[in-house]
Amino acid sequence: MEEEIVDVLKTVYDPEIPVNIYDLGMIYKIDVQDDGSLEMDMTFTAPSCPAADFILEDVRSKVESVRGITAANINLVFDPAWDQSMMSEEARVELGFE
């Protein structure tokens, strides 16, 4: 089930960045309980992200569409603060950091 969750997270993009939020390293924790409830910690590249509401709702609706997920609690966290080292190698190449 976690693989399916990661697959749907890879379809969520910040409108200003051409890389999905999972490869950007914005997902800190995915924890699925036996009852199908999901606890997820995520962050943004900047605390004042103008697309925050849109991205959070996109994440929630997509993870709740995964078969077996009964409810999703998405926690927005800023500790640790996001930085470029959290990106996948693919994301760093796509954005020209490598």
Protein backbone atom coordinates (compact mmCIF):
# COMPACT_ATOMS: atom_id res chain seq x y z
CA MET A 1 0.00 0.00 0.00
CA GLU A 2 2.86 2.40 0.76
CA GLU A 3 4.13 1.94 -2.80
CA GLU A 4 0.71 2.99 -4.14
CA ILE A 5 0.77 6.04 -1.86
CA VAL A 6 4.22 7.01 -3.15
CA ASP A 7 2.98 6.54 -6.73
CA VAL A 8 0.09 8.99 -6.22
CA LEU A 9 2.36 11.45 -4.37
CA LYS A 10 4.57 11.47 -7.46
CA THR A 11 1.62 13.00 -9.35
CA VAL A 12 1.47 16.05 -7.04
CA TYR A 13 3.41 19.10 -8.15
CA ASP A 14 4.03 22.58 -6.83
CA PRO A 15 2.78 24.71 -9.75
CA GLU A 16 6.08 26.63 -9.75
CA ILE A 17 8.45 23.62 -9.71
CA PRO A 18 8.56 20.95 -12.47
CA VAL A 19 9.35 18.10 -10.02
CA ASN A 20 6.87 16.15 -7.90
CA ILE A 21 6.70 16.71 -4.15
CA TYR A 22 7.95 13.21 -3.31
CA ASP A 23 11.17 13.56 -5.32
CA LEU A 24 11.60 17.07 -3.92
CA GLY A 25 11.85 15.43 -0.47
CA MET A 26 8.80 17.18 0.93
CA ILE A 27 7.31 13.99 2.40
CA TYR A 28 8.87 13.20 5.79
CA LYS A 29 6.65 10.38 7.08
CA ILE A 30 4.07 7.95 5.72
CA ASP A 31 2.47 5.79 8.41
CA VAL A 32 -0.50 3.56 7.57
CA GLN A 33 -2.36 2.08 10.54
CA ASP A 34 -4.09 -1.32 10.57
CA ASP A 35 -7.50 0.39 10.30
CA GLY A 36 -6.46 2.11 7.03
CA SER A 37 -5.91 5.53 8.53
CA LEU A 38 -2.87 7.40 7.27
CA GLU A 39 -0.61 9.78 9.18
CA MET A 40 1.67 11.78 6.93
CA ASP A 41 4.17 14.52 7.72
CA MET A 42 5.10 16.83 4.89
CA THR A 43 6.68 20.22 4.41
CA PHE A 44 7.08 22.89 1.76
CA THR A 45 10.22 24.29 0.19
CA ALA A 46 9.29 27.60 1.84
CA PRO A 47 6.93 28.24 4.78
CA SER A 48 5.14 30.97 2.82
CA CYS A 49 4.38 28.78 -0.22
CA PRO A 50 1.57 30.52 -2.12
CA ALA A 51 0.21 27.17 -3.39
CA ALA A 52 0.11 25.53 0.06
CA ASP A 53 -3.66 25.07 0.26
CA PHE A 54 -3.86 23.70 -3.28
CA ILE A 55 -0.99 21.24 -2.71
CA LEU A 56 -2.33 20.02 0.66
CA GLU A 57 -5.79 19.38 -0.80
CA ASP A 58 -4.26 17.60 -3.81
CA VAL A 59 -2.20 15.38 -1.48
CA ARG A 60 -5.20 14.59 0.73
CA SER A 61 -7.55 13.74 -2.12
CA LYS A 62 -4.99 11.59 -3.92
CA VAL A 63 -3.86 9.56 -0.90
CA GLU A 64 -7.48 9.06 0.19
CA SER A 65 -8.16 7.61 -3.28
CA VAL A 66 -5.70 4.75 -2.61
CA ARG A 67 -7.59 1.52 -2.03
CA GLY A 68 -7.53 0.63 1.67
CA ILE A 69 -6.99 4.18 2.97
CA THR A 70 -9.96 5.13 5.14
CA ALA A 71 -8.80 8.60 6.21
CA ALA A 72 -5.72 10.77 5.81
CA ASN A 73 -4.27 13.14 8.38
CA ILE A 74 -1.71 15.36 6.64
CA ASN A 75 0.52 17.19 9.12
CA LEU A 76 2.37 20.23 7.83
CA VAL A 77 5.74 20.42 9.58
CA PHE A 78 8.79 22.65 9.24
CA ASP A 79 11.22 20.73 11.45
CA PRO A 80 13.58 19.83 9.99
CA ALA A 81 13.52 22.70 7.56
CA TRP A 82 13.53 21.57 3.94
CA ASP A 83 16.73 22.04 1.95
CA GLN A 84 18.08 20.91 -1.42
CA SER A 85 19.87 17.89 0.07
CA MET A 86 16.45 16.26 0.62
CA MET A 87 15.78 16.02 -3.13
CA SER A 88 16.26 12.78 -5.01
CA GLU A 89 19.15 12.64 -7.45
CA GLU A 90 16.59 12.69 -10.29
CA ALA A 91 15.09 15.92 -8.94
CA ARG A 92 18.49 17.59 -8.58
CA VAL A 93 19.34 16.70 -12.19
CA GLU A 94 15.92 17.92 -13.44
CA LEU A 95 16.38 21.26 -11.68
CA GLY A 96 20.00 21.65 -12.80
CA PHE A 97 21.70 21.17 -9.42
CA GLU A 98 23.85 18.26 -10.66
